[in-house]
Amino acid sequence: MEVSSQIKKYRQEMSLSQEALADKVFVTRQTISNWENAKSYPDIQSLLLLSTIFNISLDQLVKGDIKIMKEEIKKTEIEKLNKYGAILAVLMALLIFSAVPLAIWLSYYAIIPCGILFAITMFVALKTEKVKKENNVQTYKEIVAFCEGKRLDEIQSIQEKAKRPYQNILKVIISAVITAVICSLIGLCMHFFLN
């Protein structure tokens, strides 16, 4: 990676120690050392700060590393989408499976824990949707391709965009049916075992 040698070169030209540069970029001296030895890569904010400190353009600083940066950003976005997806799945399962037992045990007071859990679930869902929208992935096919580090070709992309409204309606209906069935089964099981 060229950025490692660039950081070292410009730091030395300015007669800055690794520690002095670290203070200006708000990182540790070890982080600067890792960047200069190509053990890790600065994030976008750090690159912007470095280009400002060195009084050079971002292009000069990263030179041939743009492709590597794009891959790192894509990798980070994929990891973020996977993380939010996993958290969302757990929260939704917890919400669905806890609603009926809480209603039976706590009666009307079940609204409080269910409401809190619902709010947290919606917050994570909004975060997930934001990542999907930023990366223009909405349909199942687009999400799978994105998670594999690929993109759909132009024709496939147009076809998938045409499916989005129908898939959104279908998702709502299927989710409602599954939730109703699960809650009914839990309610029947609890009624059967408690009586």
N, C-alpha and C. Protein backbone atom coordinates (compact mmCIF):
# COMPACT_ATOMS: atom_id res chain seq x y z
N MET A 1 0.84 -1.19 0.00
CA MET A 1 0.00 0.00 0.00
C MET A 1 0.88 1.24 0.00
N GLU A 2 0.54 2.15 -0.89
CA GLU A 2 1.33 3.37 -1.02
C GLU A 2 1.10 4.34 0.11
N VAL A 3 -0.10 4.33 0.69
CA VAL A 3 -0.40 5.33 1.71
C VAL A 3 0.53 5.19 2.92
N SER A 4 0.99 3.98 3.21
CA SER A 4 1.89 3.79 4.36
C SER A 4 3.19 4.56 4.14
N SER A 5 3.76 4.44 2.95
CA SER A 5 5.02 5.16 2.67
C SER A 5 4.76 6.66 2.56
N GLN A 6 3.58 7.04 2.08
CA GLN A 6 3.25 8.46 1.97
C GLN A 6 3.15 9.11 3.36
N ILE A 7 2.50 8.42 4.28
CA ILE A 7 2.37 8.97 5.63
C ILE A 7 3.74 9.16 6.25
N LYS A 8 4.57 8.15 6.14
CA LYS A 8 5.91 8.23 6.71
C LYS A 8 6.72 9.34 6.06
N LYS A 9 6.65 9.43 4.73
CA LYS A 9 7.41 10.45 4.00
C LYS A 9 7.01 11.86 4.44
N TYR A 10 5.71 12.14 4.43
CA TYR A 10 5.26 13.49 4.78
C TYR A 10 5.46 13.78 6.26
N ARG A 11 5.33 12.78 7.11
CA ARG A 11 5.58 12.99 8.55
C ARG A 11 7.03 13.40 8.76
N GLN A 12 7.94 12.70 8.10
CA GLN A 12 9.37 13.00 8.25
C GLN A 12 9.73 14.35 7.63
N GLU A 13 9.08 14.70 6.51
CA GLU A 13 9.32 16.00 5.89
C GLU A 13 8.93 17.14 6.82
N MET A 14 7.89 16.92 7.62
CA MET A 14 7.44 17.94 8.57
C MET A 14 8.16 17.84 9.91
N SER A 15 9.11 16.89 10.02
CA SER A 15 9.87 16.66 11.25
C SER A 15 8.95 16.38 12.44
N LEU A 16 7.93 15.59 12.19
CA LEU A 16 7.00 15.21 13.26
C LEU A 16 7.34 13.80 13.74
N SER A 17 7.28 13.59 15.04
CA SER A 17 7.42 12.24 15.56
C SER A 17 6.09 11.52 15.35
N GLN A 18 6.11 10.21 15.49
CA GLN A 18 4.85 9.46 15.38
C GLN A 18 3.87 9.91 16.45
N GLU A 19 4.39 10.19 17.63
CA GLU A 19 3.52 10.63 18.73
C GLU A 19 2.90 11.99 18.45
N ALA A 20 3.69 12.91 17.88
CA ALA A 20 3.16 14.25 17.57
C ALA A 20 2.08 14.16 16.50
N LEU A 21 2.31 13.33 15.48
CA LEU A 21 1.30 13.15 14.44
C LEU A 21 0.05 12.49 15.01
N ALA A 22 0.27 11.52 15.89
CA ALA A 22 -0.86 10.82 16.51
C ALA A 22 -1.76 11.80 17.26
N ASP A 23 -1.15 12.75 17.98
CA ASP A 23 -1.92 13.76 18.71
C ASP A 23 -2.76 14.62 17.76
N LYS A 24 -2.21 14.93 16.60
CA LYS A 24 -2.93 15.78 15.64
C LYS A 24 -4.08 15.04 14.95
N VAL A 25 -3.94 13.70 14.83
CA VAL A 25 -4.95 12.91 14.14
C VAL A 25 -5.90 12.24 15.14
N PHE A 26 -5.63 12.41 16.44
CA PHE A 26 -6.47 11.86 17.51
C PHE A 26 -6.45 10.33 17.53
N VAL A 27 -5.26 9.77 17.35
CA VAL A 27 -5.07 8.33 17.46
C VAL A 27 -3.84 8.08 18.33
N THR A 28 -3.50 6.81 18.54
CA THR A 28 -2.33 6.50 19.34
C THR A 28 -1.08 6.45 18.47
N ARG A 29 0.08 6.51 19.10
CA ARG A 29 1.35 6.40 18.37
C ARG A 29 1.44 5.05 17.69
N GLN A 30 0.92 4.01 18.34
CA GLN A 30 0.94 2.67 17.78
C GLN A 30 0.13 2.60 16.49
N THR A 31 -0.96 3.33 16.45
CA THR A 31 -1.79 3.36 15.23
C THR A 31 -0.99 3.97 14.07
N ILE A 32 -0.28 5.06 14.34
CA ILE A 32 0.55 5.67 13.30
C ILE A 32 1.60 4.67 12.82
N SER A 33 2.22 3.98 13.76
CA SER A 33 3.22 2.97 13.42
C SER A 33 2.60 1.88 12.56
N ASN A 34 1.42 1.42 12.91
CA ASN A 34 0.72 0.40 12.12
C ASN A 34 0.42 0.90 10.71
N TRP A 35 0.01 2.16 10.59
CA TRP A 35 -0.25 2.72 9.26
C TRP A 35 1.02 2.77 8.43
N GLU A 36 2.11 3.22 9.05
CA GLU A 36 3.37 3.36 8.32
C GLU A 36 3.98 2.01 7.94
N ASN A 37 3.67 0.98 8.70
CA ASN A 37 4.18 -0.37 8.39
C ASN A 37 3.16 -1.21 7.65
N ALA A 38 2.10 -0.57 7.17
CA ALA A 38 1.04 -1.23 6.38
C ALA A 38 0.38 -2.39 7.12
N LYS A 39 0.33 -2.29 8.45
CA LYS A 39 -0.37 -3.32 9.23
C LYS A 39 -1.86 -3.02 9.33
N SER A 40 -2.21 -1.76 9.19
CA SER A 40 -3.62 -1.36 9.16
C SER A 40 -3.73 -0.15 8.24
N TYR A 41 -4.97 0.25 7.99
CA TYR A 41 -5.24 1.32 7.03
C TYR A 41 -6.05 2.41 7.71
N PRO A 42 -5.70 3.68 7.50
CA PRO A 42 -6.48 4.75 8.13
C PRO A 42 -7.90 4.80 7.59
N ASP A 43 -8.84 5.18 8.47
CA ASP A 43 -10.21 5.35 8.00
C ASP A 43 -10.32 6.67 7.24
N ILE A 44 -11.47 6.92 6.68
CA ILE A 44 -11.67 8.11 5.83
C ILE A 44 -11.41 9.41 6.60
N GLN A 45 -11.92 9.48 7.83
CA GLN A 45 -11.74 10.70 8.63
C GLN A 45 -10.25 10.95 8.90
N SER A 46 -9.52 9.89 9.21
CA SER A 46 -8.09 10.04 9.47
C SER A 46 -7.35 10.45 8.20
N LEU A 47 -7.74 9.90 7.07
CA LEU A 47 -7.11 10.29 5.80
C LEU A 47 -7.33 11.77 5.51
N LEU A 48 -8.56 12.24 5.76
CA LEU A 48 -8.84 13.66 5.55
C LEU A 48 -8.01 14.54 6.48
N LEU A 49 -7.90 14.13 7.74
CA LEU A 49 -7.07 14.89 8.68
C LEU A 49 -5.61 14.89 8.24
N LEU A 50 -5.10 13.73 7.83
CA LEU A 50 -3.71 13.62 7.39
C LEU A 50 -3.45 14.52 6.19
N SER A 51 -4.37 14.52 5.22
CA SER A 51 -4.16 15.37 4.03
C SER A 51 -4.17 16.84 4.41
N THR A 52 -4.98 17.21 5.39
CA THR A 52 -5.01 18.60 5.86
C THR A 52 -3.72 18.95 6.60
N ILE A 53 -3.27 18.06 7.48
CA ILE A 53 -2.04 18.30 8.25
C ILE A 53 -0.83 18.41 7.32
N PHE A 54 -0.78 17.51 6.33
CA PHE A 54 0.36 17.51 5.40
C PHE A 54 0.22 18.56 4.30
N ASN A 55 -0.95 19.21 4.24
CA ASN A 55 -1.24 20.23 3.25
C ASN A 55 -1.11 19.70 1.82
N ILE A 56 -1.69 18.52 1.61
CA ILE A 56 -1.70 17.89 0.29
C ILE A 56 -3.12 17.41 -0.01
N SER A 57 -3.37 17.11 -1.26
CA SER A 57 -4.70 16.60 -1.61
C SER A 57 -4.82 15.15 -1.16
N LEU A 58 -6.05 14.71 -1.03
CA LEU A 58 -6.31 13.32 -0.66
C LEU A 58 -5.77 12.39 -1.74
N ASP A 59 -5.88 12.80 -3.00
CA ASP A 59 -5.34 12.00 -4.11
C ASP A 59 -3.83 11.78 -3.96
N GLN A 60 -3.12 12.83 -3.60
CA GLN A 60 -1.67 12.70 -3.41
C GLN A 60 -1.35 11.73 -2.29
N LEU A 61 -2.15 11.77 -1.25
CA LEU A 61 -1.88 10.92 -0.09
C LEU A 61 -2.14 9.45 -0.40
N VAL A 62 -3.23 9.16 -1.07
CA VAL A 62 -3.58 7.75 -1.27
C VAL A 62 -3.04 7.16 -2.56
N LYS A 63 -2.70 8.00 -3.53
CA LYS A 63 -2.18 7.55 -4.83
C LYS A 63 -2.87 6.31 -5.35
N GLY A 64 -2.21 5.17 -5.39
CA GLY A 64 -2.76 3.96 -5.99
C GLY A 64 -3.66 3.16 -5.08
N ASP A 65 -3.97 3.70 -3.92
CA ASP A 65 -4.73 2.92 -2.94
C ASP A 65 -6.24 3.11 -3.04
N ILE A 66 -6.72 3.83 -4.04
CA ILE A 66 -8.15 4.09 -4.15
C ILE A 66 -8.93 2.78 -4.28
N LYS A 67 -8.45 1.86 -5.10
CA LYS A 67 -9.14 0.59 -5.29
C LYS A 67 -9.20 -0.18 -3.97
N ILE A 68 -8.09 -0.19 -3.24
CA ILE A 68 -8.03 -0.88 -1.94
C ILE A 68 -9.01 -0.22 -0.97
N MET A 69 -9.07 1.12 -1.00
CA MET A 69 -9.99 1.83 -0.11
C MET A 69 -11.45 1.48 -0.42
N LYS A 70 -11.78 1.41 -1.71
CA LYS A 70 -13.15 1.06 -2.09
C LYS A 70 -13.50 -0.33 -1.60
N GLU A 71 -12.56 -1.26 -1.71
CA GLU A 71 -12.81 -2.62 -1.23
C GLU A 71 -12.98 -2.65 0.29
N GLU A 72 -12.18 -1.85 1.01
CA GLU A 72 -12.30 -1.77 2.46
C GLU A 72 -13.65 -1.19 2.87
N ILE A 73 -14.06 -0.14 2.16
CA ILE A 73 -15.35 0.48 2.47
C ILE A 73 -16.48 -0.51 2.21
N LYS A 74 -16.41 -1.23 1.08
CA LYS A 74 -17.43 -2.21 0.74
C LYS A 74 -17.47 -3.31 1.80
N LYS A 75 -16.28 -3.77 2.22
CA LYS A 75 -16.19 -4.81 3.24
C LYS A 75 -16.82 -4.33 4.55
N THR A 76 -16.53 -3.09 4.92
CA THR A 76 -17.09 -2.51 6.13
C THR A 76 -18.61 -2.42 6.05
N GLU A 77 -19.12 -2.00 4.89
CA GLU A 77 -20.57 -1.90 4.70
C GLU A 77 -21.24 -3.28 4.78
N ILE A 78 -20.60 -4.29 4.20
CA ILE A 78 -21.14 -5.65 4.25
C ILE A 78 -21.19 -6.14 5.69
N GLU A 79 -20.10 -5.90 6.44
CA GLU A 79 -20.06 -6.31 7.84
C GLU A 79 -21.14 -5.59 8.65
N LYS A 80 -21.33 -4.30 8.36
CA LYS A 80 -22.34 -3.52 9.07
C LYS A 80 -23.74 -4.06 8.78
N LEU A 81 -24.01 -4.37 7.50
CA LEU A 81 -25.32 -4.91 7.13
C LEU A 81 -25.56 -6.26 7.80
N ASN A 82 -24.54 -7.12 7.80
CA ASN A 82 -24.67 -8.43 8.44
C ASN A 82 -24.89 -8.30 9.95
N LYS A 83 -24.18 -7.38 10.58
CA LYS A 83 -24.32 -7.17 12.03
C LYS A 83 -25.73 -6.69 12.37
N TYR A 84 -26.19 -5.65 11.66
CA TYR A 84 -27.54 -5.14 11.91
C TYR A 84 -28.59 -6.20 11.61
N GLY A 85 -28.39 -6.98 10.56
CA GLY A 85 -29.34 -8.04 10.21
C GLY A 85 -29.45 -9.08 11.31
N ALA A 86 -28.31 -9.49 11.86
CA ALA A 86 -28.32 -10.49 12.93
C ALA A 86 -29.01 -9.94 14.19
N ILE A 87 -28.67 -8.71 14.55
CA ILE A 87 -29.29 -8.09 15.73
C ILE A 87 -30.80 -7.96 15.53
N LEU A 88 -31.20 -7.55 14.33
CA LEU A 88 -32.62 -7.38 14.03
C LEU A 88 -33.36 -8.71 14.11
N ALA A 89 -32.75 -9.77 13.60
CA ALA A 89 -33.39 -11.09 13.65
C ALA A 89 -33.61 -11.54 15.10
N VAL A 90 -32.61 -11.35 15.94
CA VAL A 90 -32.72 -11.73 17.35
C VAL A 90 -33.80 -10.91 18.05
N LEU A 91 -33.80 -9.60 17.81
CA LEU A 91 -34.79 -8.74 18.45
C LEU A 91 -36.22 -9.07 18.00
N MET A 92 -36.39 -9.33 16.71
CA MET A 92 -37.72 -9.67 16.22
C MET A 92 -38.21 -11.00 16.79
N ALA A 93 -37.32 -11.98 16.86
CA ALA A 93 -37.69 -13.27 17.46
C ALA A 93 -38.05 -13.08 18.93
N LEU A 94 -37.25 -12.31 19.64
CA LEU A 94 -37.52 -12.04 21.05
C LEU A 94 -38.87 -11.34 21.22
N LEU A 95 -39.14 -10.37 20.37
CA LEU A 95 -40.40 -9.65 20.44
C LEU A 95 -41.59 -10.57 20.17
N ILE A 96 -41.49 -11.38 19.14
CA ILE A 96 -42.60 -12.28 18.78
C ILE A 96 -42.84 -13.33 19.86
N PHE A 97 -41.76 -13.95 20.34
CA PHE A 97 -41.92 -15.04 21.29
C PHE A 97 -42.22 -14.57 22.72
N SER A 98 -41.94 -13.31 23.01
CA SER A 98 -42.19 -12.84 24.38
C SER A 98 -43.52 -12.12 24.54
N ALA A 99 -44.16 -11.72 23.45
CA ALA A 99 -45.37 -10.91 23.54
C ALA A 99 -46.51 -11.64 24.28
N VAL A 100 -46.82 -12.85 23.88
CA VAL A 100 -47.94 -13.57 24.50
C VAL A 100 -47.64 -13.94 25.96
N PRO A 101 -46.47 -14.53 26.27
CA PRO A 101 -46.20 -14.83 27.68
C PRO A 101 -46.24 -13.59 28.57
N LEU A 102 -45.69 -12.48 28.07
CA LEU A 102 -45.73 -11.25 28.86
C LEU A 102 -47.17 -10.77 29.06
N ALA A 103 -47.98 -10.89 28.03
CA ALA A 103 -49.38 -10.47 28.13
C ALA A 103 -50.14 -11.33 29.14
N ILE A 104 -49.85 -12.61 29.17
CA ILE A 104 -50.53 -13.51 30.12
C ILE A 104 -50.07 -13.23 31.55
N TRP A 105 -48.75 -13.06 31.75
CA TRP A 105 -48.22 -12.88 33.10
C TRP A 105 -48.41 -11.47 33.64
N LEU A 106 -48.27 -10.47 32.76
CA LEU A 106 -48.30 -9.09 33.24
C LEU A 106 -49.58 -8.34 32.89
N SER A 107 -50.45 -8.96 32.13
CA SER A 107 -51.69 -8.35 31.71
C SER A 107 -51.40 -7.06 30.92
N TYR A 108 -52.05 -5.96 31.33
CA TYR A 108 -51.86 -4.70 30.59
C TYR A 108 -50.46 -4.12 30.76
N TYR A 109 -49.77 -4.49 31.82
CA TYR A 109 -48.43 -3.97 32.06
C TYR A 109 -47.41 -4.52 31.06
N ALA A 110 -47.81 -5.53 30.30
CA ALA A 110 -46.92 -6.09 29.28
C ALA A 110 -46.62 -5.08 28.18
N ILE A 111 -47.46 -4.07 28.08
CA ILE A 111 -47.24 -3.03 27.06
C ILE A 111 -45.90 -2.34 27.27
N ILE A 112 -45.48 -2.18 28.51
CA ILE A 112 -44.23 -1.47 28.80
C ILE A 112 -43.01 -2.22 28.26
N PRO A 113 -42.75 -3.48 28.68
CA PRO A 113 -41.56 -4.15 28.12
C PRO A 113 -41.68 -4.41 26.62
N CYS A 114 -42.89 -4.73 26.16
CA CYS A 114 -43.09 -4.95 24.72
C CYS A 114 -42.85 -3.66 23.94
N GLY A 115 -43.30 -2.56 24.47
CA GLY A 115 -43.10 -1.26 23.82
C GLY A 115 -41.63 -0.89 23.73
N ILE A 116 -40.90 -1.13 24.82
CA ILE A 116 -39.46 -0.85 24.83
C ILE A 116 -38.75 -1.73 23.81
N LEU A 117 -39.06 -3.02 23.83
CA LEU A 117 -38.45 -3.95 22.89
C LEU A 117 -38.81 -3.59 21.44
N PHE A 118 -40.04 -3.18 21.23
CA PHE A 118 -40.48 -2.76 19.90
C PHE A 118 -39.70 -1.53 19.44
N ALA A 119 -39.50 -0.55 20.32
CA ALA A 119 -38.76 0.67 19.97
C ALA A 119 -37.32 0.35 19.60
N ILE A 120 -36.68 -0.53 20.37
CA ILE A 120 -35.30 -0.93 20.08
C ILE A 120 -35.24 -1.66 18.74
N THR A 121 -36.20 -2.54 18.50
CA THR A 121 -36.26 -3.29 17.24
C THR A 121 -36.42 -2.34 16.06
N MET A 122 -37.30 -1.35 16.18
CA MET A 122 -37.51 -0.39 15.10
C MET A 122 -36.27 0.46 14.86
N PHE A 123 -35.55 0.81 15.92
CA PHE A 123 -34.32 1.58 15.77
C PHE A 123 -33.30 0.80 14.95
N VAL A 124 -33.11 -0.47 15.28
CA VAL A 124 -32.17 -1.32 14.54
C VAL A 124 -32.66 -1.52 13.11
N ALA A 125 -33.97 -1.67 12.93
CA ALA A 125 -34.53 -1.83 11.58
C ALA A 125 -34.26 -0.59 10.73
N LEU A 126 -34.38 0.58 11.33
CA LEU A 126 -34.09 1.82 10.59
C LEU A 126 -32.62 1.91 10.22
N LYS A 127 -31.74 1.49 11.14
CA LYS A 127 -30.30 1.47 10.84
C LYS A 127 -30.01 0.53 9.68
N THR A 128 -30.66 -0.64 9.69
CA THR A 128 -30.47 -1.62 8.63
C THR A 128 -30.95 -1.05 7.30
N GLU A 129 -32.12 -0.43 7.31
CA GLU A 129 -32.66 0.16 6.08
C GLU A 129 -31.76 1.28 5.56
N LYS A 130 -31.16 2.04 6.46
CA LYS A 130 -30.25 3.12 6.04
C LYS A 130 -29.05 2.54 5.30
N VAL A 131 -28.46 1.47 5.82
CA VAL A 131 -27.32 0.82 5.15
C VAL A 131 -27.76 0.28 3.79
N LYS A 132 -28.94 -0.33 3.75
CA LYS A 132 -29.44 -0.87 2.48
C LYS A 132 -29.66 0.25 1.46
N LYS A 133 -30.24 1.35 1.91
CA LYS A 133 -30.51 2.46 0.99
C LYS A 133 -29.21 3.11 0.51
N GLU A 134 -28.23 3.28 1.40
CA GLU A 134 -26.95 3.87 1.02
C GLU A 134 -26.23 3.03 -0.04
N ASN A 135 -26.44 1.73 0.00
CA ASN A 135 -25.77 0.83 -0.94
C ASN A 135 -26.70 0.36 -2.06
N ASN A 136 -27.90 0.95 -2.12
CA ASN A 136 -28.90 0.65 -3.15
C ASN A 136 -29.18 -0.84 -3.26
N VAL A 137 -29.43 -1.46 -2.13
CA VAL A 137 -29.83 -2.87 -2.10
C VAL A 137 -31.12 -2.99 -1.32
N GLN A 138 -32.15 -3.53 -1.96
CA GLN A 138 -33.44 -3.66 -1.31
C GLN A 138 -34.01 -5.06 -1.43
N THR A 139 -33.91 -5.65 -2.62
CA THR A 139 -34.50 -6.96 -2.82
C THR A 139 -33.55 -8.05 -2.34
N TYR A 140 -34.09 -9.23 -2.18
CA TYR A 140 -33.30 -10.37 -1.70
C TYR A 140 -32.10 -10.62 -2.61
N LYS A 141 -32.33 -10.60 -3.92
CA LYS A 141 -31.26 -10.86 -4.88
C LYS A 141 -30.15 -9.82 -4.76
N GLU A 142 -30.53 -8.55 -4.59
CA GLU A 142 -29.55 -7.47 -4.45
C GLU A 142 -28.76 -7.62 -3.15
N ILE A 143 -29.45 -7.99 -2.08
CA ILE A 143 -28.77 -8.14 -0.79
C ILE A 143 -27.78 -9.30 -0.84
N VAL A 144 -28.19 -10.42 -1.43
CA VAL A 144 -27.28 -11.57 -1.54
C VAL A 144 -26.06 -11.21 -2.37
N ALA A 145 -26.27 -10.55 -3.50
CA ALA A 145 -25.15 -10.14 -4.36
C ALA A 145 -24.23 -9.18 -3.60
N PHE A 146 -24.81 -8.23 -2.87
CA PHE A 146 -24.02 -7.27 -2.11
C PHE A 146 -23.18 -7.96 -1.04
N CYS A 147 -23.78 -8.89 -0.31
CA CYS A 147 -23.07 -9.59 0.75
C CYS A 147 -21.95 -10.48 0.20
N GLU A 148 -22.06 -10.86 -1.06
CA GLU A 148 -20.99 -11.64 -1.70
C GLU A 148 -19.96 -10.72 -2.37
N GLY A 149 -20.13 -9.40 -2.21
CA GLY A 149 -19.19 -8.44 -2.77
C GLY A 149 -19.37 -8.22 -4.26
N LYS A 150 -20.57 -8.51 -4.78
CA LYS A 150 -20.85 -8.36 -6.21
C LYS A 150 -21.94 -7.32 -6.41
N ARG A 151 -22.14 -6.97 -7.67
CA ARG A 151 -23.24 -6.09 -8.05
C ARG A 151 -24.01 -6.76 -9.19
N LEU A 152 -25.29 -6.49 -9.26
CA LEU A 152 -26.09 -7.00 -10.36
C LEU A 152 -25.79 -6.18 -11.61
N ASP A 153 -25.91 -6.81 -12.79
CA ASP A 153 -25.72 -6.02 -14.01
C ASP A 153 -26.92 -5.09 -14.18
N GLU A 154 -26.87 -4.22 -15.19
CA GLU A 154 -27.88 -3.17 -15.34
C GLU A 154 -29.28 -3.73 -15.55
N ILE A 155 -29.41 -4.75 -16.36
CA ILE A 155 -30.73 -5.33 -16.64
C ILE A 155 -31.30 -5.99 -15.39
N GLN A 156 -30.48 -6.77 -14.69
CA GLN A 156 -30.94 -7.41 -13.46
C GLN A 156 -31.33 -6.36 -12.43
N SER A 157 -30.57 -5.27 -12.37
CA SER A 157 -30.85 -4.21 -11.41
C SER A 157 -32.21 -3.56 -11.70
N ILE A 158 -32.51 -3.32 -12.97
CA ILE A 158 -33.80 -2.73 -13.35
C ILE A 158 -34.94 -3.69 -13.01
N GLN A 159 -34.73 -4.98 -13.27
CA GLN A 159 -35.75 -5.97 -12.94
C GLN A 159 -36.01 -6.02 -11.44
N GLU A 160 -34.96 -5.96 -10.66
CA GLU A 160 -35.11 -6.01 -9.20
C GLU A 160 -35.81 -4.76 -8.68
N LYS A 161 -35.51 -3.59 -9.25
CA LYS A 161 -36.17 -2.36 -8.83
C LYS A 161 -37.67 -2.42 -9.10
N ALA A 162 -38.05 -3.07 -10.19
CA ALA A 162 -39.47 -3.21 -10.52
C ALA A 162 -40.19 -4.11 -9.52
N LYS A 163 -39.46 -5.04 -8.89
CA LYS A 163 -40.06 -5.97 -7.94
C LYS A 163 -40.25 -5.36 -6.54
N ARG A 164 -39.53 -4.31 -6.24
CA ARG A 164 -39.51 -3.77 -4.88
C ARG A 164 -40.89 -3.46 -4.30
N PRO A 165 -41.78 -2.74 -5.00
CA PRO A 165 -43.08 -2.43 -4.38
C PRO A 165 -43.87 -3.70 -4.04
N TYR A 166 -43.86 -4.68 -4.94
CA TYR A 166 -44.59 -5.91 -4.69
C TYR A 166 -43.98 -6.70 -3.54
N GLN A 167 -42.66 -6.72 -3.50
CA GLN A 167 -41.99 -7.46 -2.42
C GLN A 167 -42.25 -6.81 -1.07
N ASN A 168 -42.34 -5.50 -1.02
CA ASN A 168 -42.61 -4.82 0.25
C ASN A 168 -44.01 -5.19 0.77
N ILE A 169 -45.00 -5.20 -0.11
CA ILE A 169 -46.35 -5.59 0.30
C ILE A 169 -46.37 -7.04 0.76
N LEU A 170 -45.70 -7.90 0.01
CA LEU A 170 -45.63 -9.31 0.34
C LEU A 170 -44.94 -9.54 1.69
N LYS A 171 -43.87 -8.77 1.94
CA LYS A 171 -43.15 -8.89 3.22
C LYS A 171 -44.06 -8.57 4.39
N VAL A 172 -44.84 -7.51 4.26
CA VAL A 172 -45.75 -7.11 5.35
C VAL A 172 -46.79 -8.19 5.61
N ILE A 173 -47.38 -8.71 4.56
CA ILE A 173 -48.42 -9.74 4.71
C ILE A 173 -47.84 -11.02 5.33
N ILE A 174 -46.72 -11.47 4.80
CA ILE A 174 -46.09 -12.70 5.32
C ILE A 174 -45.67 -12.52 6.78
N SER A 175 -45.08 -11.36 7.09
CA SER A 175 -44.65 -11.09 8.48
C SER A 175 -45.84 -11.10 9.43
N ALA A 176 -46.94 -10.48 9.01
CA ALA A 176 -48.14 -10.44 9.86
C ALA A 176 -48.70 -11.84 10.08
N VAL A 177 -48.75 -12.65 9.03
CA VAL A 177 -49.28 -14.01 9.15
C VAL A 177 -48.40 -14.85 10.06
N ILE A 178 -47.10 -14.79 9.86
CA ILE A 178 -46.17 -15.58 10.68
C ILE A 178 -46.27 -15.16 12.15
N THR A 179 -46.30 -13.86 12.38
CA THR A 179 -46.41 -13.36 13.76
C THR A 179 -47.73 -13.82 14.40
N ALA A 180 -48.81 -13.73 13.67
CA ALA A 180 -50.12 -14.15 14.21
C ALA A 180 -50.12 -15.64 14.53
N VAL A 181 -49.56 -16.45 13.63
CA VAL A 181 -49.51 -17.90 13.86
C VAL A 181 -48.65 -18.23 15.08
N ILE A 182 -47.48 -17.63 15.17
CA ILE A 182 -46.58 -17.91 16.29
C ILE A 182 -47.21 -17.47 17.62
N CYS A 183 -47.78 -16.26 17.63
CA CYS A 183 -48.40 -15.77 18.86
C CYS A 183 -49.60 -16.64 19.26
N SER A 184 -50.37 -17.08 18.29
CA SER A 184 -51.51 -17.97 18.59
C SER A 184 -51.04 -19.29 19.16
N LEU A 185 -50.01 -19.86 18.56
CA LEU A 185 -49.47 -21.13 19.06
C LEU A 185 -48.91 -20.99 20.47
N ILE A 186 -48.20 -19.91 20.72
CA ILE A 186 -47.66 -19.68 22.06
C ILE A 186 -48.81 -19.50 23.06
N GLY A 187 -49.82 -18.74 22.65
CA GLY A 187 -50.97 -18.53 23.53
C GLY A 187 -51.70 -19.83 23.84
N LEU A 188 -51.91 -20.67 22.81
CA LEU A 188 -52.56 -21.97 23.02
C LEU A 188 -51.73 -22.87 23.93
N CYS A 189 -50.42 -22.91 23.70
CA CYS A 189 -49.53 -23.74 24.54
C CYS A 189 -49.57 -23.27 25.99
N MET A 190 -49.50 -21.97 26.20
CA MET A 190 -49.52 -21.45 27.57
C MET A 190 -50.87 -21.72 28.23
N HIS A 191 -51.95 -21.55 27.48
CA HIS A 191 -53.29 -21.81 28.02
C HIS A 191 -53.41 -23.29 28.39
N PHE A 192 -52.90 -24.15 27.53
CA PHE A 192 -52.97 -25.59 27.76
C PHE A 192 -52.14 -25.98 28.99
N PHE A 193 -50.92 -25.47 29.12
CA PHE A 193 -50.05 -25.84 30.22
C PHE A 193 -50.39 -25.16 31.54
N LEU A 194 -50.99 -23.98 31.49
CA LEU A 194 -51.31 -23.25 32.71
C LEU A 194 -52.67 -23.69 33.28
N ASN A 195 -53.50 -24.33 32.49
CA ASN A 195 -54.83 -24.76 33.00
C ASN A 195 -54.89 -26.22 33.21
